[in-house]
C-alpha atoms as a PDB file:
ATOM      1  CA  UNK A   1      72.991 -33.969  -2.148  1.00  0.00           C
ATOM      2  CA  UNK A   2      73.911 -30.756  -0.333  1.00  0.00           C
ATOM      3  CA  UNK A   3      75.582 -29.441  -3.468  1.00  0.00           C
ATOM      4  CA  UNK A   4      72.549 -30.360  -5.550  1.00  0.00           C
ATOM      5  CA  UNK A   5      70.224 -28.599  -3.135  1.00  0.00           C
ATOM      6  CA  UNK A   6      72.452 -25.537  -3.184  1.00  0.00           C
ATOM      7  CA  UNK A   7      72.424 -25.356  -6.984  1.00  0.00           C
ATOM      8  CA  UNK A   8      68.660 -25.886  -7.168  1.00  0.00           C
ATOM      9  CA  UNK A   9      67.946 -23.406  -4.376  1.00  0.00           C
ATOM     10  CA  UNK A  10      70.036 -20.708  -6.032  1.00  0.00           C
ATOM     11  CA  UNK A  11      68.276 -21.410  -9.331  1.00  0.00           C
ATOM     12  CA  UNK A  12      64.923 -21.009  -7.618  1.00  0.00           C
ATOM     13  CA  UNK A  13      66.056 -17.723  -6.096  1.00  0.00           C
ATOM     14  CA  UNK A  14      67.126 -16.533  -9.526  1.00  0.00           C
ATOM     15  CA  UNK A  15      63.575 -16.995 -10.729  1.00  0.00           C
ATOM     16  CA  UNK A  16      62.487 -14.412  -8.172  1.00  0.00           C
ATOM     17  CA  UNK A  17      65.052 -11.771  -9.150  1.00  0.00           C
ATOM     18  CA  UNK A  18      62.845  -9.517 -11.263  1.00  0.00           C
ATOM     19  CA  UNK A  19      62.715  -5.988 -12.561  1.00  0.00           C
ATOM     20  CA  UNK A  20      59.691  -4.127 -13.870  1.00  0.00           C
ATOM     21  CA  UNK A  21      59.041  -3.522 -17.562  1.00  0.00           C
ATOM     22  CA  UNK A  22      56.468  -1.068 -18.883  1.00  0.00           C
ATOM     23  CA  UNK A  23      53.298  -2.450 -20.473  1.00  0.00           C
ATOM     24  CA  UNK A  24      51.319   0.778 -20.379  1.00  0.00           C
ATOM     25  CA  UNK A  25      47.822   0.527 -18.932  1.00  0.00           C
ATOM     26  CA  UNK A  26      47.513  -3.271 -18.845  1.00  0.00           C
ATOM     27  CA  UNK A  27      45.762  -4.704 -15.815  1.00  0.00           C
ATOM     28  CA  UNK A  28      48.377  -7.473 -15.726  1.00  0.00           C
ATOM     29  CA  UNK A  29      50.789  -6.336 -13.036  1.00  0.00           C
ATOM     30  CA  UNK A  30      53.949  -8.226 -12.159  1.00  0.00           C
ATOM     31  CA  UNK A  31      57.671  -7.572 -12.284  1.00  0.00           C
ATOM     32  CA  UNK A  32      59.938  -9.143 -14.884  1.00  0.00           C
ATOM     33  CA  UNK A  33      63.599 -10.116 -15.055  1.00  0.00           C
ATOM     34  CA  UNK A  34      65.177  -8.220 -17.963  1.00  0.00           C
ATOM     35  CA  UNK A  35      68.913  -8.732 -18.520  1.00  0.00           C
ATOM     36  CA  UNK A  36      68.785  -8.485 -22.311  1.00  0.00           C
ATOM     37  CA  UNK A  37      67.993  -5.131 -23.921  1.00  0.00           C
ATOM     38  CA  UNK A  38      64.915  -4.543 -26.064  1.00  0.00           C
ATOM     39  CA  UNK A  39      67.125  -3.342 -28.908  1.00  0.00           C
ATOM     40  CA  UNK A  40      69.066  -6.619 -28.920  1.00  0.00           C
ATOM     41  CA  UNK A  41      65.920  -8.755 -28.957  1.00  0.00           C
ATOM     42  CA  UNK A  42      64.268  -6.603 -31.642  1.00  0.00           C
ATOM     43  CA  UNK A  43      67.367  -6.752 -33.833  1.00  0.00           C
ATOM     44  CA  UNK A  44      67.631 -10.537 -33.575  1.00  0.00           C
ATOM     45  CA  UNK A  45      63.886 -10.919 -34.167  1.00  0.00           C
ATOM     46  CA  UNK A  46      63.947  -8.703 -37.269  1.00  0.00           C
ATOM     47  CA  UNK A  47      66.828 -10.715 -38.703  1.00  0.00           C
ATOM     48  CA  UNK A  48      65.087 -14.036 -38.011  1.00  0.00           C
ATOM     49  CA  UNK A  49      61.827 -12.729 -39.478  1.00  0.00           C
ATOM     50  CA  UNK A  50      63.545 -11.558 -42.649  1.00  0.00           C
ATOM     51  CA  UNK A  51      65.046 -15.011 -43.067  1.00  0.00           C
ATOM     52  CA  UNK A  52      61.623 -16.662 -42.711  1.00  0.00           C
ATOM     53  CA  UNK A  53      60.106 -14.260 -45.241  1.00  0.00           C
ATOM     54  CA  UNK A  54      63.004 -14.790 -47.662  1.00  0.00           C
ATOM     55  CA  UNK A  55      62.559 -18.564 -47.451  1.00  0.00           C
ATOM     56  CA  UNK A  56      58.817 -18.223 -48.037  1.00  0.00           C
ATOM     57  CA  UNK A  57      59.454 -16.056 -51.098  1.00  0.00           C
ATOM     58  CA  UNK A  58      61.969 -18.550 -52.442  1.00  0.00           C
ATOM     59  CA  UNK A  59      59.490 -21.421 -52.038  1.00  0.00           C
ATOM     60  CA  UNK A  60      56.594 -19.373 -53.440  1.00  0.00           C
ATOM     61  CA  UNK A  61      54.584 -19.737 -50.238  1.00  0.00           C
ATOM     62  CA  UNK A  62      54.435 -16.058 -49.229  1.00  0.00           C
ATOM     63  CA  UNK A  63      51.047 -14.320 -49.465  1.00  0.00           C
ATOM     64  CA  UNK A  64      49.834 -16.619 -52.262  1.00  0.00           C
ATOM     65  CA  UNK A  65      46.180 -15.962 -51.479  1.00  0.00           C
ATOM     66  CA  UNK A  66      45.544 -12.187 -51.811  1.00  0.00           C
ATOM     67  CA  UNK A  67      42.072 -12.480 -50.274  1.00  0.00           C
ATOM     68  CA  UNK A  68      43.326 -14.265 -47.143  1.00  0.00           C
ATOM     69  CA  UNK A  69      46.337 -11.945 -46.869  1.00  0.00           C
ATOM     70  CA  UNK A  70      44.071  -8.881 -46.967  1.00  0.00           C
ATOM     71  CA  UNK A  71      41.744 -10.465 -44.420  1.00  0.00           C
ATOM     72  CA  UNK A  72      44.576 -11.160 -41.978  1.00  0.00           C
ATOM     73  CA  UNK A  73      46.165  -7.740 -42.485  1.00  0.00           C
ATOM     74  CA  UNK A  74      42.863  -5.885 -42.042  1.00  0.00           C
ATOM     75  CA  UNK A  75      42.271  -7.679 -38.724  1.00  0.00           C
ATOM     76  CA  UNK A  76      45.885  -7.125 -37.660  1.00  0.00           C
ATOM     77  CA  UNK A  77      45.711  -3.404 -38.409  1.00  0.00           C
ATOM     78  CA  UNK A  78      42.678  -3.002 -36.145  1.00  0.00           C
ATOM     79  CA  UNK A  79      44.564  -4.729 -33.334  1.00  0.00           C
ATOM     80  CA  UNK A  80      47.788  -2.790 -33.944  1.00  0.00           C
ATOM     81  CA  UNK A  81      45.827   0.479 -33.711  1.00  0.00           C
ATOM     82  CA  UNK A  82      44.800  -0.475 -30.153  1.00  0.00           C
ATOM     83  CA  UNK A  83      48.190  -1.880 -29.053  1.00  0.00           C
ATOM     84  CA  UNK A  84      49.471   1.473 -27.656  1.00  0.00           C
ATOM     85  CA  UNK A  85      46.787   1.222 -24.955  1.00  0.00           C
ATOM     86  CA  UNK A  86      48.919  -1.539 -23.469  1.00  0.00           C
ATOM     87  CA  UNK A  87      52.352  -0.370 -24.608  1.00  0.00           C
ATOM     88  CA  UNK A  88      52.769   3.204 -25.773  1.00  0.00           C
ATOM     89  CA  UNK A  89      56.053   2.684 -27.629  1.00  0.00           C
ATOM     90  CA  UNK A  90      54.484   0.025 -29.874  1.00  0.00           C
ATOM     91  CA  UNK A  91      53.279   2.875 -32.076  1.00  0.00           C
ATOM     92  CA  UNK A  92      56.916   3.241 -33.181  1.00  0.00           C
ATOM     93  CA  UNK A  93      57.391  -0.438 -34.036  1.00  0.00           C
ATOM     94  CA  UNK A  94      57.956  -1.418 -37.646  1.00  0.00           C
ATOM     95  CA  UNK A  95      54.990  -3.788 -37.795  1.00  0.00           C
ATOM     96  CA  UNK A  96      54.889  -6.427 -40.530  1.00  0.00           C
ATOM     97  CA  UNK A  97      52.123  -8.944 -41.288  1.00  0.00           C
ATOM     98  CA  UNK A  98      52.531 -11.837 -43.711  1.00  0.00           C
ATOM     99  CA  UNK A  99      50.695 -15.067 -44.499  1.00  0.00           C
ATOM    100  CA  UNK A 100      52.657 -18.225 -45.306  1.00  0.00           C
ATOM    101  CA  UNK A 101      51.155 -21.248 -47.040  1.00  0.00           C
ATOM    102  CA  UNK A 102      51.871 -24.180 -44.754  1.00  0.00           C
ATOM    103  CA  UNK A 103      50.221 -27.278 -43.277  1.00  0.00           C
ATOM    104  CA  UNK A 104      51.454 -26.194 -39.844  1.00  0.00           C
ATOM    105  CA  UNK A 105      48.735 -24.872 -37.551  1.00  0.00           C
ATOM    106  CA  UNK A 106      50.491 -21.844 -36.145  1.00  0.00           C
ATOM    107  CA  UNK A 107      50.736 -18.068 -35.932  1.00  0.00           C
ATOM    108  CA  UNK A 108      53.283 -15.925 -34.135  1.00  0.00           C
ATOM    109  CA  UNK A 109      54.440 -12.391 -33.457  1.00  0.00           C
ATOM    110  CA  UNK A 110      58.126 -11.761 -32.869  1.00  0.00           C
ATOM    111  CA  UNK A 111      59.481  -8.928 -30.766  1.00  0.00           C
ATOM    112  CA  UNK A 112      58.936  -5.553 -32.390  1.00  0.00           C
ATOM    113  CA  UNK A 113      55.715  -6.559 -34.166  1.00  0.00           C
ATOM    114  CA  UNK A 114      56.804  -9.119 -36.768  1.00  0.00           C
ATOM    115  CA  UNK A 115      53.709 -11.255 -37.469  1.00  0.00           C
ATOM    116  CA  UNK A 116      53.306 -14.459 -39.485  1.00  0.00           C
ATOM    117  CA  UNK A 117      50.156 -16.508 -39.945  1.00  0.00           C
ATOM    118  CA  UNK A 118      50.245 -19.981 -41.499  1.00  0.00           C
ATOM    119  CA  UNK A 119      47.323 -20.781 -43.780  1.00  0.00           C
ATOM    120  CA  UNK A 120      46.504 -24.062 -42.025  1.00  0.00           C
ATOM    121  CA  UNK A 121      45.422 -22.393 -38.795  1.00  0.00           C
ATOM    122  CA  UNK A 122      42.726 -20.479 -40.687  1.00  0.00           C
ATOM    123  CA  UNK A 123      41.754 -23.137 -43.217  1.00  0.00           C
ATOM    124  CA  UNK A 124      41.905 -26.359 -41.190  1.00  0.00           C
ATOM    125  CA  UNK A 125      40.185 -24.840 -38.169  1.00  0.00           C
ATOM    126  CA  UNK A 126      37.748 -22.829 -40.340  1.00  0.00           C
ATOM    127  CA  UNK A 127      38.305 -19.693 -38.284  1.00  0.00           C
ATOM    128  CA  UNK A 128      35.955 -16.729 -38.456  1.00  0.00           C
ATOM    129  CA  UNK A 129      37.266 -13.155 -38.167  1.00  0.00           C
ATOM    130  CA  UNK A 130      36.677 -12.992 -34.411  1.00  0.00           C
ATOM    131  CA  UNK A 131      38.715 -16.159 -33.859  1.00  0.00           C
ATOM    132  CA  UNK A 132      41.506 -14.921 -36.129  1.00  0.00           C
ATOM    133  CA  UNK A 133      41.491 -11.663 -34.170  1.00  0.00           C
ATOM    134  CA  UNK A 134      41.976 -13.458 -30.872  1.00  0.00           C
ATOM    135  CA  UNK A 135      44.851 -15.660 -32.044  1.00  0.00           C
ATOM    136  CA  UNK A 136      46.568 -12.603 -33.535  1.00  0.00           C
ATOM    137  CA  UNK A 137      45.923 -10.530 -30.411  1.00  0.00           C
ATOM    138  CA  UNK A 138      47.289 -13.344 -28.237  1.00  0.00           C
ATOM    139  CA  UNK A 139      50.503 -13.440 -30.267  1.00  0.00           C
ATOM    140  CA  UNK A 140      50.776  -9.650 -30.282  1.00  0.00           C
ATOM    141  CA  UNK A 141      50.418  -9.719 -26.496  1.00  0.00           C
ATOM    142  CA  UNK A 142      53.561 -11.872 -26.239  1.00  0.00           C
ATOM    143  CA  UNK A 143      55.448  -9.078 -28.027  1.00  0.00           C
ATOM    144  CA  UNK A 144      53.842  -6.289 -26.013  1.00  0.00           C
ATOM    145  CA  UNK A 145      54.782  -8.048 -22.779  1.00  0.00           C
ATOM    146  CA  UNK A 146      58.306  -8.877 -24.073  1.00  0.00           C
ATOM    147  CA  UNK A 147      58.060 -12.531 -23.156  1.00  0.00           C
ATOM    148  CA  UNK A 148      60.943 -13.550 -25.437  1.00  0.00           C
ATOM    149  CA  UNK A 149      63.202 -11.001 -23.777  1.00  0.00           C
ATOM    150  CA  UNK A 150      62.144 -12.266 -20.371  1.00  0.00           C
ATOM    151  CA  UNK A 151      62.742 -15.917 -21.288  1.00  0.00           C
ATOM    152  CA  UNK A 152      66.186 -15.149 -22.676  1.00  0.00           C
ATOM    153  CA  UNK A 153      67.058 -13.319 -19.458  1.00  0.00           C
ATOM    154  CA  UNK A 154      65.955 -16.302 -17.392  1.00  0.00           C
ATOM    155  CA  UNK A 155      68.040 -18.661 -19.503  1.00  0.00           C
ATOM    156  CA  UNK A 156      71.090 -16.433 -18.997  1.00  0.00           C
ATOM    157  CA  UNK A 157      70.659 -16.633 -15.228  1.00  0.00           C
ATOM    158  CA  UNK A 158      69.972 -20.370 -15.147  1.00  0.00           C
ATOM    159  CA  UNK A 159      72.844 -21.326 -17.455  1.00  0.00           C
ATOM    160  CA  UNK A 160      75.195 -18.934 -15.690  1.00  0.00           C
ATOM    161  CA  UNK A 161      74.457 -20.452 -12.283  1.00  0.00           C
ATOM    162  CA  UNK A 162      75.013 -23.985 -13.545  1.00  0.00           C
ATOM    163  CA  UNK A 163      78.298 -22.940 -15.171  1.00  0.00           C
ATOM    164  CA  UNK A 164      79.477 -21.396 -11.907  1.00  0.00           C
ATOM    165  CA  UNK A 165      78.558 -24.561 -10.011  1.00  0.00           C
ATOM    166  CA  UNK A 166      80.570 -26.607 -12.508  1.00  0.00           C
ATOM    167  CA  UNK A 167      83.598 -24.385 -11.922  1.00  0.00           C
ATOM    168  CA  UNK A 168      83.343 -25.158  -8.212  1.00  0.00           C
ATOM    169  CA  UNK A 169      83.481 -28.884  -8.862  1.00  0.00           C
ATOM    170  CA  UNK A 170      79.828 -29.907  -8.685  1.00  0.00           C
ATOM    171  CA  UNK A 171      79.452 -33.303 -10.417  1.00  0.00           C
ATOM    172  CA  UNK A 172      78.062 -33.198 -14.001  1.00  0.00           C
ATOM    173  CA  UNK A 173      75.381 -35.762 -13.146  1.00  0.00           C
ATOM    174  CA  UNK A 174      74.141 -33.578 -10.305  1.00  0.00           C
ATOM    175  CA  UNK A 175      74.204 -30.551 -12.602  1.00  0.00           C
ATOM    176  CA  UNK A 176      72.128 -32.435 -15.165  1.00  0.00           C
ATOM    177  CA  UNK A 177      69.502 -33.307 -12.570  1.00  0.00           C
ATOM    178  CA  UNK A 178      69.537 -29.732 -11.290  1.00  0.00           C
ATOM    179  CA  UNK A 179      68.964 -28.431 -14.807  1.00  0.00           C
ATOM    180  CA  UNK A 180      65.941 -30.696 -15.304  1.00  0.00           C
ATOM    181  CA  UNK A 181      64.588 -29.683 -11.899  1.00  0.00           C
ATOM    182  CA  UNK A 182      65.024 -26.020 -12.742  1.00  0.00           C
ATOM    183  CA  UNK A 183      63.167 -26.521 -16.056  1.00  0.00           C
ATOM    184  CA  UNK A 184      60.221 -28.223 -14.358  1.00  0.00           C
ATOM    185  CA  UNK A 185      60.248 -25.895 -11.354  1.00  0.00           C
ATOM    186  CA  UNK A 186      60.904 -22.588 -13.088  1.00  0.00           C
ATOM    187  CA  UNK A 187      60.949 -22.486 -16.888  1.00  0.00           C
ATOM    188  CA  UNK A 188      57.825 -24.518 -17.705  1.00  0.00           C
ATOM    189  CA  UNK A 189      55.492 -22.860 -15.200  1.00  0.00           C
ATOM    190  CA  UNK A 190      56.835 -19.511 -16.291  1.00  0.00           C
ATOM    191  CA  UNK A 191      55.986 -20.294 -19.912  1.00  0.00           C
ATOM    192  CA  UNK A 192      52.488 -21.259 -18.839  1.00  0.00           C
ATOM    193  CA  UNK A 193      52.157 -17.932 -17.060  1.00  0.00           C
ATOM    194  CA  UNK A 194      53.193 -16.222 -20.292  1.00  0.00           C
ATOM    195  CA  UNK A 195      50.392 -18.009 -22.105  1.00  0.00           C
ATOM    196  CA  UNK A 196      47.816 -17.027 -19.492  1.00  0.00           C
ATOM    197  CA  UNK A 197      49.066 -13.445 -19.529  1.00  0.00           C
ATOM    198  CA  UNK A 198      48.816 -13.277 -23.316  1.00  0.00           C
ATOM    199  CA  UNK A 199      45.321 -14.738 -23.167  1.00  0.00           C
ATOM    200  CA  UNK A 200      44.234 -11.966 -20.813  1.00  0.00           C
ATOM    201  CA  UNK A 201      45.912  -9.106 -22.672  1.00  0.00           C
ATOM    202  CA  UNK A 202      45.043 -10.552 -26.068  1.00  0.00           C
ATOM    203  CA  UNK A 203      41.370 -11.000 -25.241  1.00  0.00           C
ATOM    204  CA  UNK A 204      41.080  -7.412 -24.042  1.00  0.00           C
ATOM    205  CA  UNK A 205      42.999  -6.188 -27.107  1.00  0.00           C
ATOM    206  CA  UNK A 206      40.687  -8.011 -29.533  1.00  0.00           C
ATOM    207  CA  UNK A 207      37.630  -6.787 -27.614  1.00  0.00           C
ATOM    208  CA  UNK A 208      38.854  -3.194 -27.818  1.00  0.00           C
ATOM    209  CA  UNK A 209      39.291  -3.645 -31.579  1.00  0.00           C
ATOM    210  CA  UNK A 210      35.602  -4.599 -31.867  1.00  0.00           C
ATOM    211  CA  UNK A 211      35.756  -8.397 -31.908  1.00  0.00           C
ATOM    212  CA  UNK A 212      33.573 -10.864 -30.008  1.00  0.00           C
ATOM    213  CA  UNK A 213      35.402 -12.048 -26.847  1.00  0.00           C
ATOM    214  CA  UNK A 214      33.489 -15.362 -26.894  1.00  0.00           C
ATOM    215  CA  UNK A 215      35.548 -16.287 -29.965  1.00  0.00           C
ATOM    216  CA  UNK A 216      38.572 -17.007 -27.775  1.00  0.00           C
ATOM    217  CA  UNK A 217      36.936 -20.012 -26.124  1.00  0.00           C
ATOM    218  CA  UNK A 218      35.452 -21.210 -29.425  1.00  0.00           C
ATOM    219  CA  UNK A 219      38.926 -21.060 -30.990  1.00  0.00           C
ATOM    220  CA  UNK A 220      40.367 -23.291 -28.294  1.00  0.00           C
ATOM    221  CA  UNK A 221      37.490 -25.735 -28.598  1.00  0.00           C
ATOM    222  CA  UNK A 222      38.471 -26.097 -32.246  1.00  0.00           C
ATOM    223  CA  UNK A 223      42.118 -26.523 -31.198  1.00  0.00           C
ATOM    224  CA  UNK A 224      41.080 -29.172 -28.699  1.00  0.00           C
ATOM    225  CA  UNK A 225      39.008 -31.014 -31.266  1.00  0.00           C
ATOM    226  CA  UNK A 226      41.882 -30.984 -33.722  1.00  0.00           C
ATOM    227  CA  UNK A 227      44.717 -31.925 -31.389  1.00  0.00           C
ATOM    228  CA  UNK A 228      42.925 -34.144 -28.863  1.00  0.00           C
ATOM    229  CA  UNK A 229      44.191 -34.350 -25.306  1.00  0.00           C
ATOM    230  CA  UNK A 230      47.023 -31.868 -24.783  1.00  0.00           C
ATOM    231  CA  UNK A 231      48.726 -34.061 -22.182  1.00  0.00           C
ATOM    232  CA  UNK A 232      49.589 -33.291 -18.580  1.00  0.00           C
ATOM    233  CA  UNK A 233      49.514 -29.561 -17.953  1.00  0.00           C
ATOM    234  CA  UNK A 234      52.309 -29.765 -15.353  1.00  0.00           C
ATOM    235  CA  UNK A 235      54.872 -30.791 -17.984  1.00  0.00           C
ATOM    236  CA  UNK A 236      53.655 -28.469 -20.695  1.00  0.00           C
ATOM    237  CA  UNK A 237      54.513 -24.926 -21.690  1.00  0.00           C
ATOM    238  CA  UNK A 238      50.828 -24.345 -22.460  1.00  0.00           C
ATOM    239  CA  UNK A 239      47.836 -24.608 -20.129  1.00  0.00           C
ATOM    240  CA  UNK A 240      45.528 -27.572 -20.702  1.00  0.00           C
ATOM    241  CA  UNK A 241      42.695 -26.994 -23.175  1.00  0.00           C
ATOM    242  CA  UNK A 242      40.088 -27.375 -20.442  1.00  0.00           C
ATOM    243  CA  UNK A 243      41.602 -24.864 -18.028  1.00  0.00           C
ATOM    244  CA  UNK A 244      42.318 -22.439 -20.855  1.00  0.00           C
ATOM    245  CA  UNK A 245      38.765 -22.525 -22.173  1.00  0.00           C
ATOM    246  CA  UNK A 246      37.350 -22.079 -18.665  1.00  0.00           C
ATOM    247  CA  UNK A 247      39.603 -19.095 -18.007  1.00  0.00           C
ATOM    248  CA  UNK A 248      38.809 -17.484 -21.363  1.00  0.00           C
ATOM    249  CA  UNK A 249      35.079 -17.825 -20.731  1.00  0.00           C
ATOM    250  CA  UNK A 250      35.474 -16.080 -17.374  1.00  0.00           C
ATOM    251  CA  UNK A 251      37.585 -13.297 -18.894  1.00  0.00           C
ATOM    252  CA  UNK A 252      35.080 -12.801 -21.733  1.00  0.00           C
ATOM    253  CA  UNK A 253      32.215 -12.533 -19.260  1.00  0.00           C
ATOM    254  CA  UNK A 254      34.103  -9.881 -17.275  1.00  0.00           C
ATOM    255  CA  UNK A 255      34.778  -7.835 -20.419  1.00  0.00           C
ATOM    256  CA  UNK A 256      31.152  -7.965 -21.542  1.00  0.00           C
ATOM    257  CA  UNK A 257      29.788  -6.978 -18.138  1.00  0.00           C
ATOM    258  CA  UNK A 258      32.497  -4.410 -17.493  1.00  0.00           C
ATOM    259  CA  UNK A 259      33.265  -5.937 -14.083  1.00  0.00           C
END
């Protein structure tokens, strides 16, 4: 038990070892643990993105609908133009925006500005431009805030600590329990904080680009209607629909009133 507590305590401490990364003028202010370089993450992301695009081309699912592709790219370009407000070096990113025909309700932005939107998220949820803008801005915010880089750095610390404990003879069963405890105590809440952070930055980004901030809450009402109950928030990497909608409504009100 003492060994388990030692491993878990050190893992918890590791979650507090943070350095600051630049996000320009964003009001979100917290330090971040960054052990992996931006260049490494951007290189890996570009390679992964190229593979996804190549697969989509091969399956004839890439940008099949010119009208939808133009719509998504026009919205994205307005958001990208405002991204340097939050992160000045994003103006140098090699941004790419593509639409993939898929039944998966999803959209994402990899490090360095590599964006993909799946047709289902627009078509099944019947999104208007303001709602598309928010989901894109939210995903762009993950890249601006370097959340992937931060998560990879955390995993390096966590896995390294467990490996060291194993070398010192800590039982594998105890290590397994410690790993689960670290996931619940560190990784999952941290992922939820990433989502909340991206909501805040993304909402402001879409608002700056001229889109209605109320669309963020309406988007998540559609997500809630489609997916039903999202489960217990404590064991999820995303906030519950209810808490997310409530927070987005408060953030939208602040933006509109300027307070």
